[in-house]
């Protein structure tokens, strides 16, 4: 790994952390503020529930499909270069989102925005690891994590305020000045780095196949068509074949020889599918059925982030001592209990008696789960493979969220303009929460049966996890 051994205490070291925090905050804020803006988008552009699903899923689709390829490009072409390319791309797509005259144009722009996020996201931690000297690296990652948590915490509040005060288009346009700052800081202060061991070959067939598979599955689930689902499943099978035969696979099959790694990713798939559904539908329920304003809906979910910021690092340290099995078993069950409490949220609900207890219990469960889950993923592989392992886990989490947002509304009976009928939408929301609770229970059972070992300390893992985002941003293969 190319490193310039820059001290974190130096001005340049602080600039490097600032650039990576601001860059990752672009994608992080987008995941929270756009959900808050969905009702306003639906009203202004005349979109039904399906259009809102595609507004969320279009971004996640290209991000999940290309995030591992983005990391590989950074290793080969230069991490700073690809990070800057992604930031500029993301900003340009954000402008298209903010100016979109129709829901169709907005969805197309969101697809483009996800490509930019897939380029900039992998470079965030990789730039820190390639630039900051070894003895300061843990502190730098902790600082990146903490400041990222602040960005995640203010996301719902900022999104709600922007929608109320300026309008939903500002949620996208605010990315432009942030991107300008990121590009300036990165160009001036962040050194370039590459992986000297990376070959010139990219797993383009694998990337194309997984993108086609996820696109077909998402389309089939949202539009309720069987043929795309069948073709998507076939494309997934083809992707497995390609990865087994590739010399430079995006997803090395040998990783899954570890039972703990396989189990941790199965837990990730179940748990993050539930999170994707909850955070897509909860802010809609609060606005459509309970009557909250966008800013009130954003504030209502802040206790979840606050609990994760306060408790996740402690949960990681505990898991480092006793192993991840217990917290990965108890955490999902506690979160499932929080979702059962959300069955009380509906027309006429009050915040203190109905909403707050549910989000507190749900947040406690996530706080117990997320850092130990990250520790299990990283502890299941050798140190030199930690970067690709966390990247694969990131992609698994994004994929499960994508499929959950695509599938849950139809499974719960939410369709068309149901958001204009509070009682109807509320019934669908309650069904969806039961389904999500079931996914969390499945994740708990998998952890209880398959997770073994003592794990490793995850106290430096990002506690915020973008709420509905994966445990860690993907890192380069040689990061550790």
Protein backbone atom coordinates (compact mmCIF):
# COMPACT_ATOMS: atom_id res chain seq x y z
CA UNK A 1 0.00 0.00 0.00
CA UNK A 2 1.23 3.46 -0.89
CA UNK A 3 1.36 5.65 2.18
CA UNK A 4 2.80 9.06 2.91
CA UNK A 5 2.81 8.61 6.71
CA UNK A 6 1.00 11.86 7.44
CA UNK A 7 0.38 12.63 11.10
CA UNK A 8 -3.23 13.13 12.17
CA UNK A 9 -2.12 16.07 14.30
CA UNK A 10 -0.76 17.88 11.24
CA UNK A 11 -2.83 20.34 9.26
CA UNK A 12 -2.73 18.06 6.22
CA UNK A 13 -3.86 15.08 8.26
CA UNK A 14 -6.88 17.00 9.52
CA UNK A 15 -7.68 18.12 5.97
CA UNK A 16 -7.61 14.49 4.79
CA UNK A 17 -10.11 13.46 7.46
CA UNK A 18 -12.28 16.48 6.63
CA UNK A 19 -12.35 15.58 2.93
CA UNK A 20 -13.29 11.95 3.59
CA UNK A 21 -15.94 12.85 6.17
CA UNK A 22 -17.56 15.41 3.88
CA UNK A 23 -17.41 13.03 0.92
CA UNK A 24 -19.03 10.15 2.76
CA UNK A 25 -21.54 12.60 4.27
CA UNK A 26 -22.83 13.35 0.76
CA UNK A 27 -24.02 9.76 0.33
CA UNK A 28 -24.93 9.44 4.00
CA UNK A 29 -27.18 12.50 4.12
CA UNK A 30 -28.83 11.51 0.87
CA UNK A 31 -30.05 8.25 2.38
CA UNK A 32 -31.86 10.02 5.23
CA UNK A 33 -33.03 13.35 3.84
CA UNK A 34 -34.60 11.92 0.67
CA UNK A 35 -36.85 9.61 2.68
CA UNK A 36 -38.14 12.62 4.61
CA UNK A 37 -38.89 14.40 1.31
CA UNK A 38 -40.82 11.52 -0.30
CA UNK A 39 -44.34 12.71 0.58
CA UNK A 40 -43.62 16.18 -0.81
CA UNK A 41 -42.12 14.63 -3.95
CA UNK A 42 -45.18 12.45 -4.41
CA UNK A 43 -47.57 15.40 -4.10
CA UNK A 44 -45.59 17.74 -6.33
CA UNK A 45 -44.86 15.26 -9.13
CA UNK A 46 -48.15 13.39 -8.89
CA UNK A 47 -46.50 10.08 -8.07
CA UNK A 48 -48.00 7.03 -6.42
CA UNK A 49 -46.25 4.64 -4.06
CA UNK A 50 -44.49 2.88 -6.96
CA UNK A 51 -42.79 6.11 -8.06
CA UNK A 52 -41.62 6.74 -4.50
CA UNK A 53 -40.24 3.20 -4.33
CA UNK A 54 -38.23 3.80 -7.50
CA UNK A 55 -36.99 7.13 -6.16
CA UNK A 56 -35.35 5.27 -3.28
CA UNK A 57 -34.53 2.03 -5.11
CA UNK A 58 -33.02 3.64 -8.22
CA UNK A 59 -30.24 5.17 -6.13
CA UNK A 60 -29.66 2.01 -4.11
CA UNK A 61 -29.73 -0.16 -7.24
CA UNK A 62 -26.74 1.43 -8.95
CA UNK A 63 -24.91 1.96 -5.65
CA UNK A 64 -25.28 -1.70 -4.62
CA UNK A 65 -24.40 -2.95 -8.10
CA UNK A 66 -21.26 -0.89 -8.59
CA UNK A 67 -19.80 -0.17 -5.15
CA UNK A 68 -17.28 -3.04 -5.30
CA UNK A 69 -16.29 -2.06 -8.83
CA UNK A 70 -15.78 1.51 -7.58
CA UNK A 71 -13.34 0.24 -4.96
CA UNK A 72 -11.43 -1.76 -7.58
CA UNK A 73 -11.21 1.27 -9.86
CA UNK A 74 -9.74 3.32 -7.02
CA UNK A 75 -7.10 0.68 -6.34
CA UNK A 76 -6.02 0.74 -9.97
CA UNK A 77 -6.58 4.30 -11.22
CA UNK A 78 -5.94 6.20 -7.99
CA UNK A 79 -8.18 6.46 -4.96
CA UNK A 80 -8.19 10.25 -4.83
CA UNK A 81 -8.92 10.47 -8.56
CA UNK A 82 -11.90 8.11 -8.40
CA UNK A 83 -13.11 9.76 -5.16
CA UNK A 84 -13.12 13.16 -6.91
CA UNK A 85 -14.75 11.74 -10.05
CA UNK A 86 -17.49 10.23 -7.90
CA UNK A 87 -18.06 13.48 -6.03
CA UNK A 88 -18.38 15.51 -9.25
CA UNK A 89 -20.67 12.88 -10.78
CA UNK A 90 -22.80 12.81 -7.62
CA UNK A 91 -23.14 16.60 -7.64
CA UNK A 92 -24.11 16.72 -11.32
CA UNK A 93 -26.73 14.03 -10.81
CA UNK A 94 -28.01 15.90 -7.74
CA UNK A 95 -28.64 18.95 -9.93
CA UNK A 96 -30.64 16.76 -12.31
CA UNK A 97 -32.64 15.45 -9.34
CA UNK A 98 -33.32 18.96 -8.08
CA UNK A 99 -34.53 20.16 -11.50
CA UNK A 100 -36.53 17.04 -12.40
CA UNK A 101 -39.89 18.02 -13.99
CA UNK A 102 -41.42 14.55 -13.56
CA UNK A 103 -41.07 11.43 -11.43
CA UNK A 104 -39.59 9.56 -14.42
CA UNK A 105 -36.78 12.10 -14.81
CA UNK A 106 -36.17 12.07 -11.06
CA UNK A 107 -35.82 8.27 -11.07
CA UNK A 108 -33.36 8.41 -13.97
CA UNK A 109 -31.33 11.07 -12.14
CA UNK A 110 -31.34 8.95 -8.97
CA UNK A 111 -29.89 6.04 -10.94
CA UNK A 112 -27.07 8.33 -12.06
CA UNK A 113 -26.62 9.64 -8.53
CA UNK A 114 -26.09 6.10 -7.25
CA UNK A 115 -23.24 5.63 -9.75
CA UNK A 116 -21.50 8.68 -8.29
CA UNK A 117 -21.97 7.33 -4.77
CA UNK A 118 -20.50 3.98 -5.82
CA UNK A 119 -17.36 5.79 -6.99
CA UNK A 120 -16.87 8.08 -3.98
CA UNK A 121 -17.95 5.82 -1.09
CA UNK A 122 -15.18 3.17 -1.26
CA UNK A 123 -12.47 5.82 -1.30
CA UNK A 124 -13.45 7.36 2.01
CA UNK A 125 -11.78 5.00 4.48
CA UNK A 126 -9.23 3.85 1.91
CA UNK A 127 -7.80 7.38 1.61
CA UNK A 128 -7.37 7.60 5.37
CA UNK A 129 -5.62 4.24 5.55
CA UNK A 130 -3.37 5.05 2.60
CA UNK A 131 -2.33 8.48 3.91
CA UNK A 132 -2.36 8.59 7.72
CA UNK A 133 0.56 6.94 9.50
CA UNK A 134 -0.14 3.60 11.17
CA UNK A 135 -0.03 4.76 14.81
CA UNK A 136 -2.62 7.49 14.10
CA UNK A 137 -4.85 5.42 11.84
CA UNK A 138 -7.18 4.08 14.55
CA UNK A 139 -7.76 7.58 15.90
CA UNK A 140 -8.39 8.90 12.39
CA UNK A 141 -10.96 6.17 11.69
CA UNK A 142 -12.60 6.88 15.03
CA UNK A 143 -12.76 10.57 14.17
CA UNK A 144 -14.20 9.71 10.73
CA UNK A 145 -16.76 7.52 12.46
CA UNK A 146 -17.78 10.10 15.05
CA UNK A 147 -18.11 12.99 12.62
CA UNK A 148 -19.99 10.71 10.24
CA UNK A 149 -22.34 9.94 13.09
CA UNK A 150 -23.01 13.64 13.54
CA UNK A 151 -23.84 13.91 9.83
CA UNK A 152 -26.18 10.95 10.14
CA UNK A 153 -27.84 12.47 13.19
CA UNK A 154 -28.54 15.83 11.58
CA UNK A 155 -29.78 14.26 8.33
CA UNK A 156 -33.46 13.84 9.27
CA UNK A 157 -33.54 17.24 10.96
CA UNK A 158 -31.86 18.97 8.01
CA UNK A 159 -34.07 17.19 5.50
CA UNK A 160 -37.25 18.08 7.33
CA UNK A 161 -36.22 21.72 7.68
CA UNK A 162 -35.27 22.01 4.01
CA UNK A 163 -38.54 20.47 2.83
CA UNK A 164 -40.59 22.73 5.10
CA UNK A 165 -38.64 25.95 4.49
CA UNK A 166 -37.42 25.68 0.90
CA UNK A 167 -39.03 22.67 -0.77
CA UNK A 168 -38.03 19.11 -1.64
CA UNK A 169 -35.73 20.16 -4.52
CA UNK A 170 -33.34 21.77 -2.04
CA UNK A 171 -32.67 18.33 -0.54
CA UNK A 172 -30.75 17.50 -3.72
CA UNK A 173 -29.37 20.92 -4.61
CA UNK A 174 -27.65 21.30 -1.23
CA UNK A 175 -25.24 18.57 -2.37
CA UNK A 176 -23.63 20.93 -4.88
CA UNK A 177 -21.86 23.34 -2.48
CA UNK A 178 -20.80 20.40 -0.30
CA UNK A 179 -19.32 18.68 -3.35
CA UNK A 180 -17.40 21.82 -4.34
CA UNK A 181 -15.77 21.91 -0.90
CA UNK A 182 -14.93 18.18 -1.05
CA UNK A 183 -13.30 18.46 -4.48
CA UNK A 184 -11.27 21.54 -3.47
CA UNK A 185 -10.00 19.97 -0.25
CA UNK A 186 -9.23 16.62 -1.90
CA UNK A 187 -7.35 18.22 -4.81
CA UNK A 188 -5.31 20.49 -2.53
CA UNK A 189 -4.59 18.34 0.51
CA UNK A 190 -5.18 14.61 -0.13
CA UNK A 191 -2.27 12.62 -1.64
CA UNK A 192 -2.90 10.10 -4.40
CA UNK A 193 -2.56 6.39 -3.65
CA UNK A 194 -2.99 3.09 -5.48
CA UNK A 195 -2.74 -0.60 -4.73
CA UNK A 196 0.60 -1.66 -6.27
CA UNK A 197 -0.52 -5.30 -6.20
CA UNK A 198 -3.78 -4.79 -8.08
CA UNK A 199 -3.73 -6.14 -11.61
CA UNK A 200 -5.03 -4.16 -14.54
CA UNK A 201 -7.98 -6.51 -14.97
CA UNK A 202 -11.41 -5.63 -13.67
CA UNK A 203 -14.26 -8.06 -13.20
CA UNK A 204 -16.44 -6.26 -15.73
CA UNK A 205 -18.52 -9.38 -16.58
CA UNK A 206 -19.30 -9.83 -12.89
CA UNK A 207 -20.22 -6.17 -12.44
CA UNK A 208 -22.50 -6.17 -15.50
CA UNK A 209 -24.16 -9.41 -14.46
CA UNK A 210 -24.85 -8.36 -10.87
CA UNK A 211 -26.23 -5.01 -12.07
CA UNK A 212 -28.55 -6.81 -14.49
CA UNK A 213 -29.61 -9.27 -11.78
CA UNK A 214 -30.45 -6.56 -9.25
CA UNK A 215 -32.19 -4.45 -11.89
CA UNK A 216 -34.39 -7.35 -13.00
CA UNK A 217 -35.23 -8.36 -9.44
CA UNK A 218 -36.06 -4.80 -8.43
CA UNK A 219 -38.26 -4.25 -11.48
CA UNK A 220 -40.04 -7.55 -10.97
CA UNK A 221 -40.73 -6.84 -7.29
CA UNK A 222 -41.89 -3.25 -7.70
CA UNK A 223 -43.96 -3.83 -10.82
CA UNK A 224 -45.16 -7.33 -9.73
CA UNK A 225 -43.97 -9.08 -12.93
CA UNK A 226 -42.89 -12.72 -12.77
CA UNK A 227 -40.64 -12.92 -15.85
CA UNK A 228 -38.11 -10.29 -14.63
CA UNK A 229 -37.94 -12.11 -11.29
CA UNK A 230 -37.15 -15.41 -13.01
CA UNK A 231 -34.54 -13.74 -15.22
CA UNK A 232 -33.08 -11.95 -12.19
CA UNK A 233 -32.68 -15.22 -10.28
CA UNK A 234 -31.01 -16.76 -13.34
CA UNK A 235 -28.65 -13.78 -13.53
CA UNK A 236 -27.73 -14.27 -9.86
CA UNK A 237 -26.83 -17.89 -10.62
CA UNK A 238 -24.76 -16.73 -13.60
CA UNK A 239 -22.97 -14.20 -11.37
CA UNK A 240 -21.97 -16.99 -8.98
CA UNK A 241 -20.53 -18.98 -11.89
CA UNK A 242 -18.61 -15.95 -13.18
CA UNK A 243 -17.14 -15.19 -9.74
CA UNK A 244 -16.00 -18.79 -9.29
CA UNK A 245 -14.13 -18.65 -12.60
CA UNK A 246 -12.78 -15.09 -12.46
CA UNK A 247 -9.11 -14.43 -11.65
CA UNK A 248 -10.05 -11.08 -10.02
CA UNK A 249 -13.60 -11.61 -8.73
CA UNK A 250 -15.60 -8.77 -7.23
CA UNK A 251 -16.80 -11.22 -4.58
CA UNK A 252 -14.10 -13.84 -3.88
CA UNK A 253 -15.93 -17.15 -3.27
CA UNK A 254 -13.18 -18.26 -0.88
CA UNK A 255 -14.41 -15.72 1.68
CA UNK A 256 -17.51 -17.80 2.23
CA UNK A 257 -15.45 -20.83 3.23
CA UNK A 258 -15.56 -19.26 6.69
CA UNK A 259 -18.80 -20.29 8.39
CA UNK A 260 -18.75 -17.16 10.55
CA UNK A 261 -18.36 -14.90 7.49
CA UNK A 262 -21.22 -16.69 5.73
CA UNK A 263 -23.41 -16.50 8.83
CA UNK A 264 -22.61 -12.82 9.43
CA UNK A 265 -23.61 -11.98 5.88
CA UNK A 266 -26.83 -13.98 6.17
CA UNK A 267 -27.61 -12.00 9.34
CA UNK A 268 -26.72 -8.79 7.49
CA UNK A 269 -29.08 -9.67 4.64
CA UNK A 270 -32.02 -10.35 6.97
CA UNK A 271 -31.40 -7.45 9.35
CA UNK A 272 -30.68 -4.78 6.76
CA UNK A 273 -33.66 -5.84 4.69
CA UNK A 274 -35.75 -5.07 7.76
CA UNK A 275 -33.96 -1.74 8.27
CA UNK A 276 -34.50 -0.76 4.65
CA UNK A 277 -38.22 -1.39 4.98
CA UNK A 278 -38.56 0.35 8.33
CA UNK A 279 -36.80 3.55 7.35
CA UNK A 280 -38.60 3.76 4.02
CA UNK A 281 -42.06 3.32 5.52
CA UNK A 282 -41.75 4.86 9.01
CA UNK A 283 -41.28 8.45 7.86
CA UNK A 284 -44.13 7.96 5.37
CA UNK A 285 -46.40 6.62 8.11
CA UNK A 286 -45.57 9.53 10.39
CA UNK A 287 -46.48 12.03 7.65
CA UNK A 288 -49.32 10.28 5.80
CA UNK A 289 -51.14 8.62 8.71
CA UNK A 290 -50.18 10.56 11.84
CA UNK A 291 -50.03 13.98 10.18
CA UNK A 292 -46.48 15.02 11.08
CA UNK A 293 -44.71 17.74 9.12
CA UNK A 294 -41.44 16.73 7.40
CA UNK A 295 -39.31 18.28 10.14
CA UNK A 296 -41.38 16.63 12.89
CA UNK A 297 -41.01 13.25 11.17
CA UNK A 298 -37.25 13.79 11.01
CA UNK A 299 -36.99 14.74 14.66
CA UNK A 300 -39.14 11.76 15.67
CA UNK A 301 -36.46 9.28 14.54
CA UNK A 302 -33.48 11.09 16.11
CA UNK A 303 -33.48 8.92 19.29
CA UNK A 304 -32.43 5.94 17.17
CA UNK A 305 -29.31 7.71 15.94
CA UNK A 306 -28.59 9.19 19.38
CA UNK A 307 -28.67 5.75 21.00
CA UNK A 308 -26.39 4.29 18.35
CA UNK A 309 -23.89 7.11 18.75
CA UNK A 310 -23.90 6.68 22.52
CA UNK A 311 -23.87 2.88 22.78
CA UNK A 312 -22.49 1.24 19.64
CA UNK A 313 -18.81 1.63 20.52
CA UNK A 314 -19.49 0.13 23.96
CA UNK A 315 -21.34 -2.78 22.34
CA UNK A 316 -18.34 -3.33 20.06
CA UNK A 317 -15.98 -3.50 23.02
CA UNK A 318 -18.24 -5.95 24.85
CA UNK A 319 -18.45 -8.14 21.76
CA UNK A 320 -14.65 -8.04 21.56
CA UNK A 321 -14.53 -9.64 25.02
CA UNK A 322 -17.41 -12.13 24.95
CA UNK A 323 -17.79 -12.70 21.21
CA UNK A 324 -20.47 -11.44 18.81
CA UNK A 325 -22.96 -14.30 19.20
CA UNK A 326 -24.92 -12.95 22.18
CA UNK A 327 -25.32 -9.33 21.00
CA UNK A 328 -26.07 -10.51 17.45
CA UNK A 329 -28.81 -12.74 18.87
CA UNK A 330 -30.29 -10.31 21.39
CA UNK A 331 -29.99 -7.15 19.29
CA UNK A 332 -32.34 -8.24 16.46
CA UNK A 333 -34.88 -9.57 18.96
CA UNK A 334 -34.90 -6.25 20.79
CA UNK A 335 -35.28 -4.39 17.49
CA UNK A 336 -38.15 -6.73 16.54
CA UNK A 337 -39.85 -5.81 19.82
CA UNK A 338 -39.50 -2.15 18.83
CA UNK A 339 -41.26 -2.90 15.54
CA UNK A 340 -44.10 -4.59 17.39
CA UNK A 341 -44.45 -1.41 19.42
CA UNK A 342 -44.69 0.49 16.12
CA UNK A 343 -48.02 -1.25 15.55
CA UNK A 344 -49.37 1.45 17.90
CA UNK A 345 -48.36 4.19 15.44
CA UNK A 346 -51.32 5.35 13.38
CA UNK A 347 -53.98 8.06 13.07
CA UNK A 348 -54.43 9.71 16.46
CA UNK A 349 -51.13 8.46 17.90
CA UNK A 350 -49.14 10.65 20.26
CA UNK A 351 -45.36 10.88 20.25
CA UNK A 352 -44.65 10.26 23.93
CA UNK A 353 -46.91 7.23 24.37
CA UNK A 354 -46.79 5.60 20.92
CA UNK A 355 -43.83 6.74 18.79
CA UNK A 356 -41.06 7.36 21.34
CA UNK A 357 -41.19 3.95 23.13
CA UNK A 358 -41.04 2.17 19.76
CA UNK A 359 -38.05 4.09 18.40
CA UNK A 360 -36.21 3.82 21.74
CA UNK A 361 -36.51 0.03 21.90
CA UNK A 362 -35.71 -0.29 18.20
CA UNK A 363 -32.64 1.93 18.64
CA UNK A 364 -31.41 -0.06 21.64
CA UNK A 365 -31.58 -3.23 19.55
CA UNK A 366 -29.59 -1.67 16.71
CA UNK A 367 -27.04 -0.33 19.19
CA UNK A 368 -26.46 -3.84 20.52
CA UNK A 369 -26.23 -5.38 17.06
CA UNK A 370 -24.35 -3.26 14.53
CA UNK A 371 -20.79 -3.03 15.88
CA UNK A 372 -20.66 -6.73 16.89
CA UNK A 373 -21.91 -7.63 13.41
CA UNK A 374 -19.06 -5.63 11.87
CA UNK A 375 -16.61 -7.25 14.27
CA UNK A 376 -17.85 -10.71 13.27
CA UNK A 377 -17.35 -9.93 9.57
CA UNK A 378 -13.81 -8.64 10.08
CA UNK A 379 -12.88 -11.29 12.65
CA UNK A 380 -13.88 -14.09 10.30
CA UNK A 381 -11.11 -13.38 7.78
CA UNK A 382 -7.38 -12.76 7.87
CA UNK A 383 -6.21 -9.18 8.35
CA UNK A 384 -5.06 -8.81 4.74
CA UNK A 385 -8.59 -9.63 3.51
CA UNK A 386 -10.46 -7.34 5.92
CA UNK A 387 -10.94 -4.64 3.30
CA UNK A 388 -12.61 -6.85 0.70
CA UNK A 389 -14.60 -8.62 3.43
CA UNK A 390 -16.10 -5.34 4.68
CA UNK A 391 -16.76 -4.32 1.06
CA UNK A 392 -18.69 -7.51 0.34
CA UNK A 393 -20.66 -7.08 3.56
CA UNK A 394 -21.46 -3.51 2.52
CA UNK A 395 -22.77 -4.72 -0.83
CA UNK A 396 -24.88 -7.42 0.85
CA UNK A 397 -26.47 -4.81 3.11
CA UNK A 398 -27.22 -2.45 0.24
CA UNK A 399 -28.69 -5.27 -1.82
CA UNK A 400 -31.00 -6.44 0.94
CA UNK A 401 -32.26 -2.88 1.50
CA UNK A 402 -32.87 -2.50 -2.21
CA UNK A 403 -34.94 -5.68 -2.43
CA UNK A 404 -36.86 -4.88 0.76
CA UNK A 405 -37.98 -1.45 -0.44
CA UNK A 406 -38.97 -3.04 -3.76
CA UNK A 407 -40.93 -5.94 -2.23
CA UNK A 408 -42.46 -4.74 1.05
CA UNK A 409 -45.16 -2.33 -0.16
CA UNK A 410 -46.72 -4.96 -2.43
CA UNK A 411 -46.45 -7.65 0.26
CA UNK A 412 -48.08 -5.29 2.76
CA UNK A 413 -50.85 -4.25 0.38
CA UNK A 414 -49.64 -0.66 -0.15
CA UNK A 415 -50.05 0.55 -3.72
CA UNK A 416 -51.09 3.42 -5.96
CA UNK A 417 -52.35 6.45 -4.07
CA UNK A 418 -52.89 4.67 -0.74
CA UNK A 419 -50.95 7.45 0.98
CA UNK A 420 -54.00 9.67 0.48
CA UNK A 421 -56.05 7.32 2.70
CA UNK A 422 -54.43 7.32 6.18
CA UNK A 423 -56.29 4.27 7.49
CA UNK A 424 -55.43 2.19 4.41
CA UNK A 425 -51.76 3.20 4.46
CA UNK A 426 -51.60 2.58 8.20
CA UNK A 427 -52.93 -0.97 7.82
CA UNK A 428 -50.24 -1.66 5.22
CA UNK A 429 -47.56 -0.13 7.45
CA UNK A 430 -48.53 -2.41 10.32
CA UNK A 431 -48.36 -5.47 8.06
CA UNK A 432 -44.92 -4.36 6.83
CA UNK A 433 -43.66 -3.94 10.40
CA UNK A 434 -44.72 -7.49 11.20
CA UNK A 435 -42.83 -8.73 8.15
CA UNK A 436 -39.75 -6.73 9.15
CA UNK A 437 -39.97 -8.06 12.69
CA UNK A 438 -40.00 -11.56 11.22
CA UNK A 439 -36.82 -10.78 9.26
CA UNK A 440 -35.13 -9.60 12.45
CA UNK A 441 -36.11 -12.81 14.25
CA UNK A 442 -34.66 -14.83 11.36
CA UNK A 443 -31.42 -12.86 11.69
CA UNK A 444 -31.35 -13.59 15.41
CA UNK A 445 -31.84 -17.32 14.88
CA UNK A 446 -29.07 -17.46 12.28
CA UNK A 447 -26.69 -15.72 14.69
CA UNK A 448 -27.62 -18.01 17.57
CA UNK A 449 -27.08 -21.17 15.52
CA UNK A 450 -24.11 -20.33 13.30
CA UNK A 451 -21.99 -17.61 14.96
CA UNK A 452 -19.08 -18.90 16.99
CA UNK A 453 -15.75 -17.58 18.17
CA UNK A 454 -14.65 -14.56 20.15
CA UNK A 455 -14.83 -12.05 17.31
CA UNK A 456 -12.76 -8.89 17.46
CA UNK A 457 -13.08 -5.43 18.89
CA UNK A 458 -15.36 -3.34 16.73
CA UNK A 459 -15.18 -0.24 18.85
CA UNK A 460 -13.67 1.76 15.99
CA UNK A 461 -16.42 0.71 13.59
CA UNK A 462 -18.80 3.47 12.56
CA UNK A 463 -21.63 3.50 15.10
CA UNK A 464 -24.02 5.44 12.89
CA UNK A 465 -23.92 3.10 9.89
CA UNK A 466 -25.99 5.60 7.98
CA UNK A 467 -28.89 4.04 9.93
CA UNK A 468 -30.12 2.10 6.98
CA UNK A 469 -26.67 1.60 5.57
CA UNK A 470 -24.11 -1.15 5.90
CA UNK A 471 -21.81 -1.70 8.83
CA UNK A 472 -18.74 -0.19 7.21
CA UNK A 473 -17.85 1.56 4.02
CA UNK A 474 -15.97 -0.85 1.75
CA UNK A 475 -12.26 -0.57 2.01
CA UNK A 476 -9.49 -1.45 -0.38
CA UNK A 477 -8.03 -4.94 -0.29
CA UNK A 478 -4.72 -3.71 1.00
CA UNK A 479 -6.07 -1.28 3.55
CA UNK A 480 -4.99 -3.26 6.54
